[in-house]
Amino acid sequence: AKPTWEFDCPKSAGVAVCSNAVVIVTPKEVIALGMGDGHLLWRLPLPAAPVPWGIAVNREGKVIVTLEGGRVVCFG
């Protein structure tokens, strides 16, 4: 079967799936894509590198990322 949409992210450090978005963490940024068609919703830089798979999304849609060095950031 053919994918509905694709997004190239060869250096991803984690992915979280929400009802309306897919959130990807890379070594330098957090990217949110629309679930239906993969369009870019937002893209924000990270102040430090993320811990691999250190991403979570709460029920309000806030994105929490754990960074190397013990820091945690929340986008929402």
N, C-alpha and C. Protein backbone atom coordinates (compact mmCIF):
# COMPACT_ATOMS: atom_id res chain seq x y z
N ALA A 1 0.84 -1.19 0.00
CA ALA A 1 0.00 0.00 0.00
C ALA A 1 0.88 1.25 0.00
N LYS A 2 0.40 2.28 -0.60
CA LYS A 2 1.13 3.54 -0.70
C LYS A 2 0.89 4.39 0.56
N PRO A 3 1.96 5.01 1.12
CA PRO A 3 1.78 5.87 2.31
C PRO A 3 0.90 7.07 2.01
N THR A 4 0.18 7.53 3.02
CA THR A 4 -0.64 8.73 2.88
C THR A 4 0.25 9.96 2.71
N TRP A 5 1.35 10.01 3.46
CA TRP A 5 2.34 11.08 3.32
C TRP A 5 3.66 10.60 3.90
N GLU A 6 4.74 11.30 3.57
CA GLU A 6 6.08 10.98 4.06
C GLU A 6 6.78 12.25 4.50
N PHE A 7 7.74 12.09 5.40
CA PHE A 7 8.59 13.20 5.84
C PHE A 7 9.98 12.65 6.09
N ASP A 8 10.97 13.23 5.49
CA ASP A 8 12.35 12.77 5.63
C ASP A 8 12.96 13.31 6.92
N CYS A 9 13.33 12.42 7.84
CA CYS A 9 13.94 12.84 9.11
C CYS A 9 15.00 11.81 9.52
N PRO A 10 16.11 11.74 8.79
CA PRO A 10 17.11 10.70 9.04
C PRO A 10 17.80 10.80 10.40
N LYS A 11 17.78 11.94 11.04
CA LYS A 11 18.47 12.08 12.34
C LYS A 11 17.48 12.25 13.48
N SER A 12 16.28 11.69 13.35
CA SER A 12 15.30 11.85 14.41
C SER A 12 15.75 11.16 15.68
N ALA A 13 15.43 11.78 16.81
CA ALA A 13 15.79 11.24 18.13
C ALA A 13 14.56 10.74 18.87
N GLY A 14 13.37 10.97 18.29
CA GLY A 14 12.14 10.50 18.91
C GLY A 14 10.93 10.99 18.15
N VAL A 15 9.83 10.28 18.33
CA VAL A 15 8.56 10.62 17.68
C VAL A 15 7.43 10.43 18.68
N ALA A 16 6.48 11.35 18.68
CA ALA A 16 5.28 11.20 19.49
C ALA A 16 4.08 11.41 18.57
N VAL A 17 3.06 10.61 18.76
CA VAL A 17 1.86 10.69 17.93
C VAL A 17 0.70 11.21 18.77
N CYS A 18 0.02 12.23 18.25
CA CYS A 18 -1.13 12.84 18.91
C CYS A 18 -2.35 12.62 18.01
N SER A 19 -3.51 13.07 18.45
CA SER A 19 -4.71 12.91 17.64
C SER A 19 -4.66 13.71 16.34
N ASN A 20 -4.00 14.86 16.35
CA ASN A 20 -3.98 15.70 15.16
C ASN A 20 -2.57 15.97 14.61
N ALA A 21 -1.54 15.41 15.24
CA ALA A 21 -0.18 15.72 14.81
C ALA A 21 0.80 14.59 15.11
N VAL A 22 1.91 14.64 14.39
CA VAL A 22 3.06 13.80 14.67
C VAL A 22 4.18 14.78 15.05
N VAL A 23 4.82 14.55 16.19
CA VAL A 23 5.88 15.45 16.65
C VAL A 23 7.20 14.68 16.59
N ILE A 24 8.18 15.28 15.93
CA ILE A 24 9.48 14.66 15.73
C ILE A 24 10.54 15.50 16.41
N VAL A 25 11.43 14.85 17.14
CA VAL A 25 12.56 15.53 17.77
C VAL A 25 13.82 15.16 16.98
N THR A 26 14.59 16.16 16.61
CA THR A 26 15.89 15.96 15.95
C THR A 26 16.97 16.49 16.89
N PRO A 27 18.24 16.34 16.55
CA PRO A 27 19.28 16.86 17.44
C PRO A 27 19.21 18.36 17.69
N LYS A 28 18.50 19.11 16.82
CA LYS A 28 18.49 20.56 16.96
C LYS A 28 17.12 21.20 17.09
N GLU A 29 16.03 20.45 16.81
CA GLU A 29 14.72 21.09 16.80
C GLU A 29 13.59 20.10 17.06
N VAL A 30 12.40 20.67 17.28
CA VAL A 30 11.16 19.90 17.42
C VAL A 30 10.28 20.31 16.24
N ILE A 31 9.71 19.32 15.55
CA ILE A 31 8.90 19.57 14.36
C ILE A 31 7.54 18.92 14.57
N ALA A 32 6.47 19.68 14.31
CA ALA A 32 5.12 19.14 14.39
C ALA A 32 4.51 19.12 12.99
N LEU A 33 3.98 17.96 12.60
CA LEU A 33 3.38 17.77 11.29
C LEU A 33 1.91 17.40 11.45
N GLY A 34 1.07 17.90 10.56
CA GLY A 34 -0.35 17.56 10.60
C GLY A 34 -0.56 16.08 10.30
N MET A 35 -1.36 15.43 11.10
CA MET A 35 -1.59 13.99 10.95
C MET A 35 -2.21 13.64 9.60
N GLY A 36 -3.15 14.44 9.13
CA GLY A 36 -3.87 14.11 7.91
C GLY A 36 -3.04 14.12 6.64
N ASP A 37 -2.20 15.17 6.49
CA ASP A 37 -1.46 15.29 5.24
C ASP A 37 0.05 15.54 5.41
N GLY A 38 0.52 15.60 6.64
CA GLY A 38 1.96 15.78 6.89
C GLY A 38 2.46 17.20 6.72
N HIS A 39 1.56 18.18 6.61
CA HIS A 39 2.02 19.57 6.44
C HIS A 39 2.67 20.07 7.73
N LEU A 40 3.60 20.98 7.58
CA LEU A 40 4.32 21.55 8.72
C LEU A 40 3.39 22.43 9.54
N LEU A 41 3.20 22.09 10.81
CA LEU A 41 2.42 22.91 11.73
C LEU A 41 3.30 23.94 12.41
N TRP A 42 4.43 23.48 12.93
CA TRP A 42 5.42 24.37 13.54
C TRP A 42 6.75 23.66 13.66
N ARG A 43 7.79 24.48 13.83
CA ARG A 43 9.17 23.98 13.95
C ARG A 43 9.88 24.94 14.91
N LEU A 44 10.44 24.38 16.01
CA LEU A 44 11.11 25.23 17.00
C LEU A 44 12.49 24.67 17.34
N PRO A 45 13.48 25.55 17.53
CA PRO A 45 14.82 25.09 17.89
C PRO A 45 14.88 24.60 19.34
N LEU A 46 15.78 23.68 19.60
CA LEU A 46 16.03 23.21 20.96
C LEU A 46 17.26 23.91 21.52
N PRO A 47 17.28 24.22 22.83
CA PRO A 47 18.45 24.87 23.43
C PRO A 47 19.63 23.92 23.65
N ALA A 48 19.40 22.62 23.54
CA ALA A 48 20.46 21.61 23.69
C ALA A 48 19.97 20.34 22.99
N ALA A 49 20.85 19.37 22.85
CA ALA A 49 20.48 18.11 22.20
C ALA A 49 19.50 17.32 23.06
N PRO A 50 18.54 16.64 22.44
CA PRO A 50 17.59 15.85 23.21
C PRO A 50 18.16 14.49 23.60
N VAL A 51 17.63 13.94 24.68
CA VAL A 51 17.93 12.56 25.05
C VAL A 51 17.17 11.68 24.07
N PRO A 52 17.77 10.62 23.52
CA PRO A 52 17.04 9.76 22.60
C PRO A 52 15.72 9.28 23.19
N TRP A 53 14.66 9.45 22.45
CA TRP A 53 13.28 9.06 22.81
C TRP A 53 12.78 9.76 24.06
N GLY A 54 13.36 10.92 24.40
CA GLY A 54 12.92 11.69 25.56
C GLY A 54 11.85 12.70 25.19
N ILE A 55 10.77 12.24 24.57
CA ILE A 55 9.68 13.12 24.16
C ILE A 55 8.35 12.56 24.67
N ALA A 56 7.47 13.47 25.07
CA ALA A 56 6.12 13.08 25.50
C ALA A 56 5.18 14.23 25.13
N VAL A 57 3.90 13.89 24.97
CA VAL A 57 2.87 14.89 24.71
C VAL A 57 1.75 14.64 25.71
N ASN A 58 1.35 15.70 26.44
CA ASN A 58 0.28 15.50 27.42
C ASN A 58 -1.09 15.66 26.76
N ARG A 59 -2.15 15.48 27.50
CA ARG A 59 -3.50 15.50 26.93
C ARG A 59 -3.91 16.86 26.40
N GLU A 60 -3.25 17.94 26.86
CA GLU A 60 -3.53 19.27 26.33
C GLU A 60 -2.74 19.58 25.07
N GLY A 61 -1.86 18.66 24.66
CA GLY A 61 -1.06 18.86 23.45
C GLY A 61 0.28 19.52 23.69
N LYS A 62 0.67 19.69 24.95
CA LYS A 62 1.99 20.26 25.24
C LYS A 62 3.06 19.20 24.99
N VAL A 63 4.13 19.63 24.34
CA VAL A 63 5.23 18.73 24.00
C VAL A 63 6.35 18.91 25.01
N ILE A 64 6.74 17.83 25.66
CA ILE A 64 7.79 17.86 26.68
C ILE A 64 8.98 17.09 26.16
N VAL A 65 10.15 17.73 26.18
CA VAL A 65 11.37 17.12 25.66
C VAL A 65 12.44 17.14 26.74
N THR A 66 13.07 16.00 26.98
CA THR A 66 14.18 15.90 27.92
C THR A 66 15.47 16.12 27.15
N LEU A 67 16.32 17.01 27.68
CA LEU A 67 17.57 17.36 27.01
C LEU A 67 18.77 16.76 27.74
N GLU A 68 19.83 16.62 26.99
CA GLU A 68 21.09 16.17 27.62
C GLU A 68 21.49 17.18 28.67
N GLY A 69 22.05 16.72 29.75
CA GLY A 69 22.43 17.60 30.85
C GLY A 69 21.35 17.72 31.91
N GLY A 70 20.22 17.01 31.72
CA GLY A 70 19.19 16.97 32.73
C GLY A 70 18.13 18.04 32.67
N ARG A 71 18.08 18.81 31.60
CA ARG A 71 17.08 19.87 31.45
C ARG A 71 15.83 19.32 30.76
N VAL A 72 14.66 19.87 31.08
CA VAL A 72 13.42 19.52 30.43
C VAL A 72 12.78 20.80 29.92
N VAL A 73 12.28 20.77 28.67
CA VAL A 73 11.59 21.93 28.10
C VAL A 73 10.18 21.51 27.69
N CYS A 74 9.26 22.47 27.75
CA CYS A 74 7.87 22.22 27.39
C CYS A 74 7.43 23.25 26.35
N PHE A 75 6.86 22.77 25.26
CA PHE A 75 6.32 23.64 24.21
C PHE A 75 4.81 23.44 24.20
N GLY A 76 4.07 24.56 24.18
CA GLY A 76 2.62 24.35 24.17
C GLY A 76 1.82 25.58 23.95
